[in-house]
């Protein structure tokens, strides 16, 4: 297991960049990235796959919530996606290549690969390949994570030198109605941590007393958490987490 750079433990991580639509900074936008860099926060971003196999910095599977357009990101080519304006922001949807060029190692960068299988299964590989290709010559502190352990296993086979982690949760079936109960049970125990050679987890901040998290902590595994939205919640989260991913306030 590779050690997570200290920068991921000492700089709060701005969730989808330091976004604030009131100031024209949409989530995962270049403007939100630049704002985080300006004050020295680490940055967490999400990636989805375009029709032509490019990693796009975008959280949702569909365009409607974050743009005036509709349709699935995976069914639209990157040249069209990069022309689509983000709501309440002057920026358009960026590629991962664009964002890593913007960050260029100034602050730690945490990339979440969104599950492309649909059920946390093994039907993955294209987005992982795109991310690995974009990071091939990147210089700076960077780590890649996903809720889907199979995505991380795939990515690690393509980019073995890049640090990886798992995004984790208690995975109660009531919270994850689209997942099979057996899948929830398996993910609940964070059983794939060693299999995928992870270096850290990022866990739901409200569930840091989860036994599987505490077991990893006894092994000295770094525990990040998502997504803290106030100073009060941050104070509670930091009692058990090594660092926070935040939005909606300044830590």
C-alpha atoms as a PDB file:
ATOM      1  CA  UNK A   1       0.000   0.000   0.000  1.00  0.00           C
ATOM      2  CA  UNK A   2       1.287   3.432  -0.974  1.00  0.00           C
ATOM      3  CA  UNK A   3       1.103   6.296   1.504  1.00  0.00           C
ATOM      4  CA  UNK A   4      -1.304   9.131   0.846  1.00  0.00           C
ATOM      5  CA  UNK A   5       0.609  12.431   0.500  1.00  0.00           C
ATOM      6  CA  UNK A   6       0.299  14.676   3.564  1.00  0.00           C
ATOM      7  CA  UNK A   7      -1.319  17.381   1.442  1.00  0.00           C
ATOM      8  CA  UNK A   8      -4.503  15.275   1.322  1.00  0.00           C
ATOM      9  CA  UNK A   9      -4.602  15.287   5.115  1.00  0.00           C
ATOM     10  CA  UNK A  10      -3.667  18.901   5.815  1.00  0.00           C
ATOM     11  CA  UNK A  11      -5.710  20.849   3.244  1.00  0.00           C
ATOM     12  CA  UNK A  12      -9.518  20.692   3.362  1.00  0.00           C
ATOM     13  CA  UNK A  13     -10.875  19.376   0.072  1.00  0.00           C
ATOM     14  CA  UNK A  14     -13.336  21.599  -1.774  1.00  0.00           C
ATOM     15  CA  UNK A  15     -16.186  19.380  -2.951  1.00  0.00           C
ATOM     16  CA  UNK A  16     -16.490  19.789  -6.735  1.00  0.00           C
ATOM     17  CA  UNK A  17     -14.251  22.811  -6.402  1.00  0.00           C
ATOM     18  CA  UNK A  18     -15.037  25.928  -4.386  1.00  0.00           C
ATOM     19  CA  UNK A  19     -18.398  26.385  -6.063  1.00  0.00           C
ATOM     20  CA  UNK A  20     -20.952  29.103  -5.366  1.00  0.00           C
ATOM     21  CA  UNK A  21     -23.555  29.820  -8.038  1.00  0.00           C
ATOM     22  CA  UNK A  22     -24.300  33.194  -6.436  1.00  0.00           C
ATOM     23  CA  UNK A  23     -20.802  34.198  -7.489  1.00  0.00           C
ATOM     24  CA  UNK A  24     -21.015  32.479 -10.878  1.00  0.00           C
ATOM     25  CA  UNK A  25     -19.031  29.388  -9.917  1.00  0.00           C
ATOM     26  CA  UNK A  26     -20.866  26.188 -10.789  1.00  0.00           C
ATOM     27  CA  UNK A  27     -19.804  22.867  -9.298  1.00  0.00           C
ATOM     28  CA  UNK A  28     -16.907  21.180 -11.130  1.00  0.00           C
ATOM     29  CA  UNK A  29     -16.352  24.337 -13.210  1.00  0.00           C
ATOM     30  CA  UNK A  30     -12.989  25.918 -14.034  1.00  0.00           C
ATOM     31  CA  UNK A  31     -14.139  28.941 -12.020  1.00  0.00           C
ATOM     32  CA  UNK A  32     -14.718  26.759  -8.945  1.00  0.00           C
ATOM     33  CA  UNK A  33     -11.343  25.096  -9.461  1.00  0.00           C
ATOM     34  CA  UNK A  34      -9.583  28.453  -9.719  1.00  0.00           C
ATOM     35  CA  UNK A  35     -11.283  29.746  -6.570  1.00  0.00           C
ATOM     36  CA  UNK A  36     -10.079  26.707  -4.593  1.00  0.00           C
ATOM     37  CA  UNK A  37      -6.532  27.090  -5.875  1.00  0.00           C
ATOM     38  CA  UNK A  38      -6.522  30.789  -4.955  1.00  0.00           C
ATOM     39  CA  UNK A  39      -7.033  30.015  -1.265  1.00  0.00           C
ATOM     40  CA  UNK A  40      -4.995  26.794  -1.207  1.00  0.00           C
ATOM     41  CA  UNK A  41      -7.737  24.233  -0.720  1.00  0.00           C
ATOM     42  CA  UNK A  42      -7.424  20.749  -2.123  1.00  0.00           C
ATOM     43  CA  UNK A  43      -9.932  19.904  -4.828  1.00  0.00           C
ATOM     44  CA  UNK A  44     -12.341  16.988  -5.305  1.00  0.00           C
ATOM     45  CA  UNK A  45     -13.923  16.540  -8.734  1.00  0.00           C
ATOM     46  CA  UNK A  46     -16.122  13.978 -10.490  1.00  0.00           C
ATOM     47  CA  UNK A  47     -15.696  12.428 -13.918  1.00  0.00           C
ATOM     48  CA  UNK A  48     -18.165  10.920 -16.366  1.00  0.00           C
ATOM     49  CA  UNK A  49     -17.520   9.337 -19.767  1.00  0.00           C
ATOM     50  CA  UNK A  50     -18.452  11.019 -23.053  1.00  0.00           C
ATOM     51  CA  UNK A  51     -19.679   9.160 -26.136  1.00  0.00           C
ATOM     52  CA  UNK A  52     -16.226   9.365 -27.715  1.00  0.00           C
ATOM     53  CA  UNK A  53     -14.399   8.055 -24.657  1.00  0.00           C
ATOM     54  CA  UNK A  54     -13.239  11.275 -22.979  1.00  0.00           C
ATOM     55  CA  UNK A  55     -13.256  11.920 -19.242  1.00  0.00           C
ATOM     56  CA  UNK A  56     -15.562  14.876 -18.576  1.00  0.00           C
ATOM     57  CA  UNK A  57     -15.574  16.751 -15.269  1.00  0.00           C
ATOM     58  CA  UNK A  58     -19.257  16.492 -14.414  1.00  0.00           C
ATOM     59  CA  UNK A  59     -21.105  14.899 -11.510  1.00  0.00           C
ATOM     60  CA  UNK A  60     -24.457  13.762 -12.874  1.00  0.00           C
ATOM     61  CA  UNK A  61     -25.212  11.106 -15.465  1.00  0.00           C
ATOM     62  CA  UNK A  62     -27.626  13.518 -17.138  1.00  0.00           C
ATOM     63  CA  UNK A  63     -27.336  17.167 -18.118  1.00  0.00           C
ATOM     64  CA  UNK A  64     -30.637  18.569 -16.836  1.00  0.00           C
ATOM     65  CA  UNK A  65     -29.734  19.602 -13.267  1.00  0.00           C
ATOM     66  CA  UNK A  66     -26.566  21.483 -14.154  1.00  0.00           C
ATOM     67  CA  UNK A  67     -27.242  22.843 -17.634  1.00  0.00           C
ATOM     68  CA  UNK A  68     -30.160  24.014 -19.775  1.00  0.00           C
ATOM     69  CA  UNK A  69     -29.754  20.916 -21.958  1.00  0.00           C
ATOM     70  CA  UNK A  70     -31.072  17.387 -21.543  1.00  0.00           C
ATOM     71  CA  UNK A  71     -29.679  13.949 -22.291  1.00  0.00           C
ATOM     72  CA  UNK A  72     -27.161  11.499 -20.885  1.00  0.00           C
ATOM     73  CA  UNK A  73     -23.521  12.579 -20.801  1.00  0.00           C
ATOM     74  CA  UNK A  74     -22.458   9.136 -22.052  1.00  0.00           C
ATOM     75  CA  UNK A  75     -24.508   9.595 -25.223  1.00  0.00           C
ATOM     76  CA  UNK A  76     -22.966  12.932 -26.226  1.00  0.00           C
ATOM     77  CA  UNK A  77     -19.525  13.533 -27.753  1.00  0.00           C
ATOM     78  CA  UNK A  78     -16.931  15.607 -25.926  1.00  0.00           C
ATOM     79  CA  UNK A  79     -16.817  18.299 -28.618  1.00  0.00           C
ATOM     80  CA  UNK A  80     -20.512  18.984 -28.011  1.00  0.00           C
ATOM     81  CA  UNK A  81     -20.290  18.666 -24.219  1.00  0.00           C
ATOM     82  CA  UNK A  82     -17.488  21.242 -24.048  1.00  0.00           C
ATOM     83  CA  UNK A  83     -19.776  23.745 -25.740  1.00  0.00           C
ATOM     84  CA  UNK A  84     -22.603  23.323 -23.219  1.00  0.00           C
ATOM     85  CA  UNK A  85     -22.744  26.177 -20.719  1.00  0.00           C
ATOM     86  CA  UNK A  86     -23.116  25.376 -17.031  1.00  0.00           C
ATOM     87  CA  UNK A  87     -26.116  26.989 -15.331  1.00  0.00           C
ATOM     88  CA  UNK A  88     -25.385  30.297 -13.572  1.00  0.00           C
ATOM     89  CA  UNK A  89     -21.781  30.208 -14.755  1.00  0.00           C
ATOM     90  CA  UNK A  90     -19.797  31.556 -17.687  1.00  0.00           C
ATOM     91  CA  UNK A  91     -17.960  28.231 -18.058  1.00  0.00           C
ATOM     92  CA  UNK A  92     -18.824  25.225 -20.195  1.00  0.00           C
ATOM     93  CA  UNK A  93     -18.405  21.569 -19.186  1.00  0.00           C
ATOM     94  CA  UNK A  94     -14.657  20.909 -18.933  1.00  0.00           C
ATOM     95  CA  UNK A  95     -12.676  17.826 -19.818  1.00  0.00           C
ATOM     96  CA  UNK A  96     -10.438  16.223 -17.214  1.00  0.00           C
ATOM     97  CA  UNK A  97      -7.468  17.122 -19.414  1.00  0.00           C
ATOM     98  CA  UNK A  98      -8.478  20.779 -19.176  1.00  0.00           C
ATOM     99  CA  UNK A  99      -8.804  20.691 -15.392  1.00  0.00           C
ATOM    100  CA  UNK A 100      -5.514  18.930 -14.695  1.00  0.00           C
ATOM    101  CA  UNK A 101      -3.780  21.475 -16.903  1.00  0.00           C
ATOM    102  CA  UNK A 102      -5.425  24.194 -14.832  1.00  0.00           C
ATOM    103  CA  UNK A 103      -4.471  22.636 -11.480  1.00  0.00           C
ATOM    104  CA  UNK A 104      -0.942  21.602 -12.599  1.00  0.00           C
ATOM    105  CA  UNK A 105       0.073  20.401  -9.153  1.00  0.00           C
ATOM    106  CA  UNK A 106      -0.667  23.602  -7.262  1.00  0.00           C
ATOM    107  CA  UNK A 107      -2.975  21.805  -4.802  1.00  0.00           C
ATOM    108  CA  UNK A 108      -3.890  18.145  -4.192  1.00  0.00           C
ATOM    109  CA  UNK A 109      -6.429  16.784  -6.667  1.00  0.00           C
ATOM    110  CA  UNK A 110      -8.891  14.020  -5.770  1.00  0.00           C
ATOM    111  CA  UNK A 111     -10.770  12.503  -8.714  1.00  0.00           C
ATOM    112  CA  UNK A 112     -13.928  10.452  -8.246  1.00  0.00           C
ATOM    113  CA  UNK A 113     -14.746   8.048 -11.060  1.00  0.00           C
ATOM    114  CA  UNK A 114     -18.521   7.766 -11.229  1.00  0.00           C
ATOM    115  CA  UNK A 115     -19.796   4.210 -11.537  1.00  0.00           C
ATOM    116  CA  UNK A 116     -20.414   3.383 -15.205  1.00  0.00           C
ATOM    117  CA  UNK A 117     -21.700  -0.144 -14.594  1.00  0.00           C
ATOM    118  CA  UNK A 118     -24.930   1.052 -13.015  1.00  0.00           C
ATOM    119  CA  UNK A 119     -24.897  -1.550 -10.256  1.00  0.00           C
ATOM    120  CA  UNK A 120     -21.313  -1.350  -8.897  1.00  0.00           C
ATOM    121  CA  UNK A 121     -20.409  -4.321 -11.056  1.00  0.00           C
ATOM    122  CA  UNK A 122     -17.572  -5.184 -13.402  1.00  0.00           C
ATOM    123  CA  UNK A 123     -18.851  -3.577 -16.602  1.00  0.00           C
ATOM    124  CA  UNK A 124     -16.253  -0.818 -16.417  1.00  0.00           C
ATOM    125  CA  UNK A 125     -12.995   0.114 -18.107  1.00  0.00           C
ATOM    126  CA  UNK A 126     -13.533   2.872 -20.661  1.00  0.00           C
ATOM    127  CA  UNK A 127     -13.708   5.782 -18.204  1.00  0.00           C
ATOM    128  CA  UNK A 128     -10.897   4.317 -16.148  1.00  0.00           C
ATOM    129  CA  UNK A 129      -8.758   4.139 -19.303  1.00  0.00           C
ATOM    130  CA  UNK A 130      -9.558   7.749 -20.167  1.00  0.00           C
ATOM    131  CA  UNK A 131      -8.585   8.962 -16.695  1.00  0.00           C
ATOM    132  CA  UNK A 132      -5.367   6.950 -16.722  1.00  0.00           C
ATOM    133  CA  UNK A 133      -4.455   8.396 -20.098  1.00  0.00           C
ATOM    134  CA  UNK A 134      -5.090  11.973 -18.950  1.00  0.00           C
ATOM    135  CA  UNK A 135      -2.969  11.466 -15.825  1.00  0.00           C
ATOM    136  CA  UNK A 136      -0.098   9.768 -17.609  1.00  0.00           C
ATOM    137  CA  UNK A 137       2.272  12.736 -17.358  1.00  0.00           C
ATOM    138  CA  UNK A 138       0.670  14.610 -14.478  1.00  0.00           C
ATOM    139  CA  UNK A 139       3.060  16.092 -11.932  1.00  0.00           C
ATOM    140  CA  UNK A 140       1.516  16.773  -8.528  1.00  0.00           C
ATOM    141  CA  UNK A 141      -0.383  15.162  -5.688  1.00  0.00           C
ATOM    142  CA  UNK A 142      -3.304  13.261  -7.196  1.00  0.00           C
ATOM    143  CA  UNK A 143      -5.484  10.346  -6.120  1.00  0.00           C
ATOM    144  CA  UNK A 144      -8.394   8.525  -7.752  1.00  0.00           C
ATOM    145  CA  UNK A 145     -11.378   7.012  -5.966  1.00  0.00           C
ATOM    146  CA  UNK A 146     -14.797   5.493  -6.656  1.00  0.00           C
ATOM    147  CA  UNK A 147     -17.785   3.944  -4.921  1.00  0.00           C
ATOM    148  CA  UNK A 148     -17.316   0.987  -7.270  1.00  0.00           C
ATOM    149  CA  UNK A 149     -14.297  -1.126  -6.220  1.00  0.00           C
ATOM    150  CA  UNK A 150     -14.248  -2.711  -9.674  1.00  0.00           C
ATOM    151  CA  UNK A 151     -13.643   0.711 -11.195  1.00  0.00           C
ATOM    152  CA  UNK A 152     -10.639   1.172  -8.930  1.00  0.00           C
ATOM    153  CA  UNK A 153      -9.293  -2.290  -9.750  1.00  0.00           C
ATOM    154  CA  UNK A 154      -9.606  -1.470 -13.448  1.00  0.00           C
ATOM    155  CA  UNK A 155      -7.990   1.939 -13.072  1.00  0.00           C
ATOM    156  CA  UNK A 156      -5.093   0.571 -10.994  1.00  0.00           C
ATOM    157  CA  UNK A 157      -4.289  -1.990 -13.666  1.00  0.00           C
ATOM    158  CA  UNK A 158      -3.943   0.875 -16.135  1.00  0.00           C
ATOM    159  CA  UNK A 159      -2.186   3.358 -13.835  1.00  0.00           C
ATOM    160  CA  UNK A 160      -0.429   1.321 -11.126  1.00  0.00           C
ATOM    161  CA  UNK A 161       1.601   4.253  -9.791  1.00  0.00           C
ATOM    162  CA  UNK A 162      -1.426   6.428  -9.061  1.00  0.00           C
ATOM    163  CA  UNK A 163      -2.789   6.383  -5.513  1.00  0.00           C
ATOM    164  CA  UNK A 164      -6.319   5.018  -5.214  1.00  0.00           C
ATOM    165  CA  UNK A 165      -9.041   4.877  -2.601  1.00  0.00           C
ATOM    166  CA  UNK A 166     -12.663   3.905  -2.068  1.00  0.00           C
ATOM    167  CA  UNK A 167     -15.639   6.162  -1.503  1.00  0.00           C
ATOM    168  CA  UNK A 168     -17.599   4.382   1.212  1.00  0.00           C
ATOM    169  CA  UNK A 169     -20.911   4.358   3.026  1.00  0.00           C
ATOM    170  CA  UNK A 170     -22.927   2.025   5.179  1.00  0.00           C
ATOM    171  CA  UNK A 171     -24.789   1.080   1.984  1.00  0.00           C
ATOM    172  CA  UNK A 172     -28.102   0.493   3.677  1.00  0.00           C
ATOM    173  CA  UNK A 173     -30.534  -0.880   1.053  1.00  0.00           C
ATOM    174  CA  UNK A 174     -32.994   1.894   1.939  1.00  0.00           C
ATOM    175  CA  UNK A 175     -30.386   4.484   0.952  1.00  0.00           C
ATOM    176  CA  UNK A 176     -29.341   2.637  -2.211  1.00  0.00           C
ATOM    177  CA  UNK A 177     -32.595   1.308  -3.713  1.00  0.00           C
ATOM    178  CA  UNK A 178     -31.066   0.707  -7.155  1.00  0.00           C
ATOM    179  CA  UNK A 179     -28.487  -1.740  -5.798  1.00  0.00           C
ATOM    180  CA  UNK A 180     -29.030  -5.427  -5.148  1.00  0.00           C
ATOM    181  CA  UNK A 181     -29.237  -6.230  -1.440  1.00  0.00           C
ATOM    182  CA  UNK A 182     -26.255  -8.581  -1.716  1.00  0.00           C
ATOM    183  CA  UNK A 183     -24.188  -5.801  -3.293  1.00  0.00           C
ATOM    184  CA  UNK A 184     -25.099  -3.444  -0.459  1.00  0.00           C
ATOM    185  CA  UNK A 185     -24.108  -6.089   2.067  1.00  0.00           C
ATOM    186  CA  UNK A 186     -20.746  -6.615   0.386  1.00  0.00           C
ATOM    187  CA  UNK A 187     -19.944  -2.908   0.078  1.00  0.00           C
ATOM    188  CA  UNK A 188     -21.101  -2.287   3.660  1.00  0.00           C
ATOM    189  CA  UNK A 189     -18.051  -4.107   4.984  1.00  0.00           C
ATOM    190  CA  UNK A 190     -15.511  -2.250   2.772  1.00  0.00           C
ATOM    191  CA  UNK A 191     -14.259  -5.740   1.921  1.00  0.00           C
ATOM    192  CA  UNK A 192     -12.463  -4.718  -1.268  1.00  0.00           C
ATOM    193  CA  UNK A 193     -10.011  -2.330   0.368  1.00  0.00           C
ATOM    194  CA  UNK A 194      -7.023  -4.655   0.252  1.00  0.00           C
ATOM    195  CA  UNK A 195      -8.049  -6.318  -3.015  1.00  0.00           C
ATOM    196  CA  UNK A 196      -7.803  -3.034  -4.923  1.00  0.00           C
ATOM    197  CA  UNK A 197      -4.671  -1.937  -3.025  1.00  0.00           C
ATOM    198  CA  UNK A 198      -6.388   1.201  -1.750  1.00  0.00           C
ATOM    199  CA  UNK A 199      -4.500   3.754   0.312  1.00  0.00           C
ATOM    200  CA  UNK A 200      -7.475   5.554   1.907  1.00  0.00           C
ATOM    201  CA  UNK A 201     -11.235   5.775   2.125  1.00  0.00           C
ATOM    202  CA  UNK A 202     -13.583   8.742   1.887  1.00  0.00           C
ATOM    203  CA  UNK A 203     -16.603   7.918   4.027  1.00  0.00           C
ATOM    204  CA  UNK A 204     -20.000   9.488   4.655  1.00  0.00           C
ATOM    205  CA  UNK A 205     -19.250  12.060   7.386  1.00  0.00           C
ATOM    206  CA  UNK A 206     -22.424  11.155   9.305  1.00  0.00           C
ATOM    207  CA  UNK A 207     -21.416   7.484   9.567  1.00  0.00           C
ATOM    208  CA  UNK A 208     -17.845   7.640  10.846  1.00  0.00           C
ATOM    209  CA  UNK A 209     -18.711   5.349  13.747  1.00  0.00           C
ATOM    210  CA  UNK A 210     -19.263   2.514  11.245  1.00  0.00           C
ATOM    211  CA  UNK A 211     -17.374  -0.577  12.471  1.00  0.00           C
ATOM    212  CA  UNK A 212     -15.656  -1.147   9.111  1.00  0.00           C
ATOM    213  CA  UNK A 213     -14.285   2.405   9.216  1.00  0.00           C
ATOM    214  CA  UNK A 214     -13.047   2.000  12.779  1.00  0.00           C
ATOM    215  CA  UNK A 215     -11.291  -1.241  11.844  1.00  0.00           C
ATOM    216  CA  UNK A 216      -9.412   0.526   9.050  1.00  0.00           C
ATOM    217  CA  UNK A 217      -8.459   3.335  11.415  1.00  0.00           C
ATOM    218  CA  UNK A 218      -6.860   0.816  13.787  1.00  0.00           C
ATOM    219  CA  UNK A 219      -4.616  -0.150  10.855  1.00  0.00           C
ATOM    220  CA  UNK A 220      -3.554   3.460  10.390  1.00  0.00           C
ATOM    221  CA  UNK A 221      -5.543   3.874   7.160  1.00  0.00           C
ATOM    222  CA  UNK A 222      -6.324   7.552   6.371  1.00  0.00           C
ATOM    223  CA  UNK A 223     -10.034   8.341   6.571  1.00  0.00           C
ATOM    224  CA  UNK A 224     -11.359  11.272   4.578  1.00  0.00           C
ATOM    225  CA  UNK A 225     -15.052  12.095   4.659  1.00  0.00           C
ATOM    226  CA  UNK A 226     -17.849  13.566   2.557  1.00  0.00           C
ATOM    227  CA  UNK A 227     -19.593  16.042   2.460  1.00  0.00           C
ATOM    228  CA  UNK A 228     -19.365  18.474   5.381  1.00  0.00           C
ATOM    229  CA  UNK A 229     -21.577  21.554   5.044  1.00  0.00           C
ATOM    230  CA  UNK A 230     -20.971  23.620   8.206  1.00  0.00           C
ATOM    231  CA  UNK A 231     -18.391  24.378  10.875  1.00  0.00           C
ATOM    232  CA  UNK A 232     -20.488  22.496  13.418  1.00  0.00           C
ATOM    233  CA  UNK A 233     -20.504  19.360  11.256  1.00  0.00           C
ATOM    234  CA  UNK A 234     -16.804  19.792  10.576  1.00  0.00           C
ATOM    235  CA  UNK A 235     -16.031  19.814  14.292  1.00  0.00           C
ATOM    236  CA  UNK A 236     -17.909  16.554  14.735  1.00  0.00           C
ATOM    237  CA  UNK A 237     -16.364  14.938  11.645  1.00  0.00           C
ATOM    238  CA  UNK A 238     -12.805  15.802  12.624  1.00  0.00           C
ATOM    239  CA  UNK A 239     -13.144  13.820  15.836  1.00  0.00           C
ATOM    240  CA  UNK A 240     -12.824  10.676  13.721  1.00  0.00           C
ATOM    241  CA  UNK A 241     -11.808  11.702  10.193  1.00  0.00           C
ATOM    242  CA  UNK A 242      -8.320  12.739   9.132  1.00  0.00           C
ATOM    243  CA  UNK A 243      -9.668  15.310   6.678  1.00  0.00           C
ATOM    244  CA  UNK A 244     -12.899  16.632   5.246  1.00  0.00           C
ATOM    245  CA  UNK A 245     -14.480  17.249   1.896  1.00  0.00           C
ATOM    246  CA  UNK A 246     -16.636  20.368   2.269  1.00  0.00           C
ATOM    247  CA  UNK A 247     -19.047  22.693   0.502  1.00  0.00           C
ATOM    248  CA  UNK A 248     -21.340  25.603   1.353  1.00  0.00           C
ATOM    249  CA  UNK A 249     -19.019  27.273   3.866  1.00  0.00           C
ATOM    250  CA  UNK A 250     -15.311  27.940   4.414  1.00  0.00           C
ATOM    251  CA  UNK A 251     -13.487  25.717   6.931  1.00  0.00           C
END
